[in-house]
Amino acid sequence: MAPESQGGCINHRLQVYGTKNLRVVDASIFPTIPAGNLNAPTAMVAWKASRLIKEDYKNKV
């Protein structure tokens, strides 16, 4: 996650710059890959993404 001007491709809400309704929700958003199993950190990203999506949906309705 970084500003688009610095080469980033997603914002702090996991939304891809220049698109609508597209988010990246996997280990590819990690700035560095942990040395251990990626299951738990990726599950945490998915949990946070579900909260962000729910929040965005509530704000639209």
N, C-alpha and C. Protein backbone atom coordinates (compact mmCIF):
# COMPACT_ATOMS: atom_id res chain seq x y z
N MET A 1 0.84 -1.17 0.00
CA MET A 1 0.00 0.00 0.00
C MET A 1 0.89 1.23 0.00
N ALA A 2 0.70 2.01 -1.03
CA ALA A 2 1.48 3.25 -1.17
C ALA A 2 0.71 4.18 -2.10
N PRO A 3 1.02 5.46 -2.04
CA PRO A 3 0.40 6.38 -2.99
C PRO A 3 0.71 5.96 -4.43
N GLU A 4 -0.23 6.21 -5.30
CA GLU A 4 -0.05 5.85 -6.71
C GLU A 4 1.19 6.52 -7.29
N SER A 5 1.47 7.74 -6.84
CA SER A 5 2.64 8.48 -7.34
C SER A 5 3.96 7.81 -6.95
N GLN A 6 3.93 6.96 -5.93
CA GLN A 6 5.14 6.26 -5.49
C GLN A 6 5.16 4.81 -5.98
N GLY A 7 4.31 4.49 -6.93
CA GLY A 7 4.30 3.15 -7.50
C GLY A 7 3.35 2.18 -6.85
N GLY A 8 2.53 2.66 -5.92
CA GLY A 8 1.56 1.79 -5.26
C GLY A 8 0.42 1.42 -6.20
N CYS A 9 -0.23 0.30 -5.92
CA CYS A 9 -1.35 -0.10 -6.76
C CYS A 9 -2.67 -0.18 -6.00
N ILE A 10 -2.61 -0.11 -4.64
CA ILE A 10 -3.84 -0.10 -3.85
C ILE A 10 -3.75 0.96 -2.76
N ASN A 11 -4.91 1.42 -2.31
CA ASN A 11 -4.95 2.40 -1.23
C ASN A 11 -5.12 1.71 0.12
N HIS A 12 -5.30 2.50 1.17
CA HIS A 12 -5.40 1.94 2.53
C HIS A 12 -6.68 1.15 2.76
N ARG A 13 -7.62 1.23 1.83
CA ARG A 13 -8.86 0.45 1.92
C ARG A 13 -8.84 -0.74 0.97
N LEU A 14 -7.65 -1.09 0.49
CA LEU A 14 -7.41 -2.24 -0.37
C LEU A 14 -8.03 -2.11 -1.76
N GLN A 15 -8.41 -0.90 -2.15
CA GLN A 15 -9.00 -0.65 -3.46
C GLN A 15 -7.91 -0.37 -4.48
N VAL A 16 -8.04 -0.97 -5.66
CA VAL A 16 -7.06 -0.79 -6.72
C VAL A 16 -7.27 0.58 -7.36
N TYR A 17 -6.18 1.33 -7.49
CA TYR A 17 -6.24 2.65 -8.12
C TYR A 17 -6.75 2.53 -9.56
N GLY A 18 -7.61 3.46 -9.97
CA GLY A 18 -8.08 3.52 -11.34
C GLY A 18 -9.17 2.54 -11.69
N THR A 19 -9.72 1.85 -10.69
CA THR A 19 -10.82 0.90 -10.94
C THR A 19 -11.96 1.19 -9.97
N LYS A 20 -13.07 0.55 -10.21
CA LYS A 20 -14.22 0.68 -9.34
C LYS A 20 -14.62 -0.72 -8.87
N ASN A 21 -14.86 -0.86 -7.58
CA ASN A 21 -15.30 -2.13 -6.99
C ASN A 21 -14.31 -3.27 -7.17
N LEU A 22 -13.02 -2.98 -7.10
CA LEU A 22 -11.99 -4.02 -7.17
C LEU A 22 -11.03 -3.83 -6.01
N ARG A 23 -10.82 -4.89 -5.25
CA ARG A 23 -9.91 -4.86 -4.12
C ARG A 23 -8.93 -6.03 -4.23
N VAL A 24 -7.76 -5.86 -3.64
CA VAL A 24 -6.78 -6.94 -3.56
C VAL A 24 -6.79 -7.42 -2.12
N VAL A 25 -7.12 -8.69 -1.93
CA VAL A 25 -7.24 -9.25 -0.59
C VAL A 25 -6.46 -10.56 -0.53
N ASP A 26 -5.15 -10.45 -0.56
CA ASP A 26 -4.29 -11.63 -0.43
C ASP A 26 -2.90 -11.21 0.02
N ALA A 27 -1.98 -12.15 0.06
CA ALA A 27 -0.64 -11.88 0.58
C ALA A 27 0.19 -10.97 -0.33
N SER A 28 -0.27 -10.71 -1.53
CA SER A 28 0.51 -9.85 -2.43
C SER A 28 0.55 -8.40 -1.95
N ILE A 29 -0.28 -8.03 -0.99
CA ILE A 29 -0.24 -6.65 -0.49
C ILE A 29 0.80 -6.45 0.60
N PHE A 30 1.40 -7.52 1.10
CA PHE A 30 2.41 -7.40 2.16
C PHE A 30 3.67 -6.75 1.61
N PRO A 31 4.19 -5.74 2.32
CA PRO A 31 5.42 -5.10 1.84
C PRO A 31 6.62 -6.05 1.89
N THR A 32 6.65 -6.92 2.88
CA THR A 32 7.65 -7.99 2.96
C THR A 32 6.93 -9.27 3.36
N ILE A 33 7.37 -10.38 2.82
CA ILE A 33 6.72 -11.66 3.10
C ILE A 33 7.29 -12.23 4.40
N PRO A 34 6.43 -12.60 5.35
CA PRO A 34 6.92 -13.19 6.59
C PRO A 34 7.64 -14.52 6.34
N ALA A 35 8.53 -14.89 7.25
CA ALA A 35 9.30 -16.12 7.09
C ALA A 35 8.46 -17.37 7.34
N GLY A 36 7.36 -17.24 8.03
CA GLY A 36 6.55 -18.41 8.38
C GLY A 36 5.37 -18.61 7.43
N ASN A 37 4.41 -19.34 7.92
CA ASN A 37 3.20 -19.65 7.18
C ASN A 37 2.40 -18.37 6.92
N LEU A 38 1.86 -18.23 5.72
CA LEU A 38 1.10 -17.02 5.35
C LEU A 38 -0.39 -17.12 5.67
N ASN A 39 -0.85 -18.26 6.17
CA ASN A 39 -2.28 -18.45 6.38
C ASN A 39 -2.86 -17.42 7.36
N ALA A 40 -2.28 -17.28 8.53
CA ALA A 40 -2.84 -16.37 9.54
C ALA A 40 -2.80 -14.91 9.11
N PRO A 41 -1.66 -14.40 8.60
CA PRO A 41 -1.67 -12.99 8.17
C PRO A 41 -2.65 -12.73 7.02
N THR A 42 -2.78 -13.69 6.12
CA THR A 42 -3.70 -13.52 5.00
C THR A 42 -5.15 -13.55 5.49
N ALA A 43 -5.44 -14.40 6.45
CA ALA A 43 -6.78 -14.44 7.04
C ALA A 43 -7.10 -13.12 7.73
N MET A 44 -6.12 -12.51 8.35
CA MET A 44 -6.33 -11.21 9.00
C MET A 44 -6.64 -10.13 7.97
N VAL A 45 -5.96 -10.17 6.83
CA VAL A 45 -6.24 -9.22 5.75
C VAL A 45 -7.66 -9.42 5.25
N ALA A 46 -8.06 -10.68 5.08
CA ALA A 46 -9.42 -10.98 4.61
C ALA A 46 -10.47 -10.49 5.60
N TRP A 47 -10.20 -10.67 6.90
CA TRP A 47 -11.14 -10.20 7.92
C TRP A 47 -11.28 -8.68 7.84
N LYS A 48 -10.15 -7.98 7.74
CA LYS A 48 -10.18 -6.52 7.65
C LYS A 48 -10.90 -6.08 6.38
N ALA A 49 -10.64 -6.76 5.27
CA ALA A 49 -11.31 -6.43 4.01
C ALA A 49 -12.82 -6.60 4.12
N SER A 50 -13.25 -7.64 4.81
CA SER A 50 -14.69 -7.85 4.98
C SER A 50 -15.33 -6.69 5.74
N ARG A 51 -14.62 -6.17 6.72
CA ARG A 51 -15.11 -5.01 7.48
C ARG A 51 -15.16 -3.75 6.60
N LEU A 52 -14.13 -3.56 5.79
CA LEU A 52 -14.10 -2.39 4.89
C LEU A 52 -15.22 -2.46 3.86
N ILE A 53 -15.44 -3.63 3.30
CA ILE A 53 -16.50 -3.81 2.29
C ILE A 53 -17.86 -3.57 2.93
N LYS A 54 -18.06 -4.12 4.12
CA LYS A 54 -19.33 -3.94 4.84
C LYS A 54 -19.57 -2.46 5.13
N GLU A 55 -18.53 -1.77 5.57
CA GLU A 55 -18.63 -0.34 5.86
C GLU A 55 -18.98 0.46 4.61
N ASP A 56 -18.31 0.16 3.50
CA ASP A 56 -18.60 0.86 2.24
C ASP A 56 -20.03 0.60 1.78
N TYR A 57 -20.51 -0.63 1.94
CA TYR A 57 -21.86 -0.97 1.53
C TYR A 57 -22.88 -0.21 2.38
N LYS A 58 -22.65 -0.14 3.68
CA LYS A 58 -23.58 0.58 4.56
C LYS A 58 -23.64 2.07 4.21
N ASN A 59 -22.51 2.64 3.81
CA ASN A 59 -22.47 4.06 3.44
C ASN A 59 -23.19 4.33 2.13
N LYS A 60 -23.32 3.33 1.26
CA LYS A 60 -24.01 3.51 -0.02
C LYS A 60 -25.51 3.40 0.13
N VAL A 61 -25.97 2.59 1.07
CA VAL A 61 -27.40 2.32 1.21
C VAL A 61 -28.06 3.38 2.04
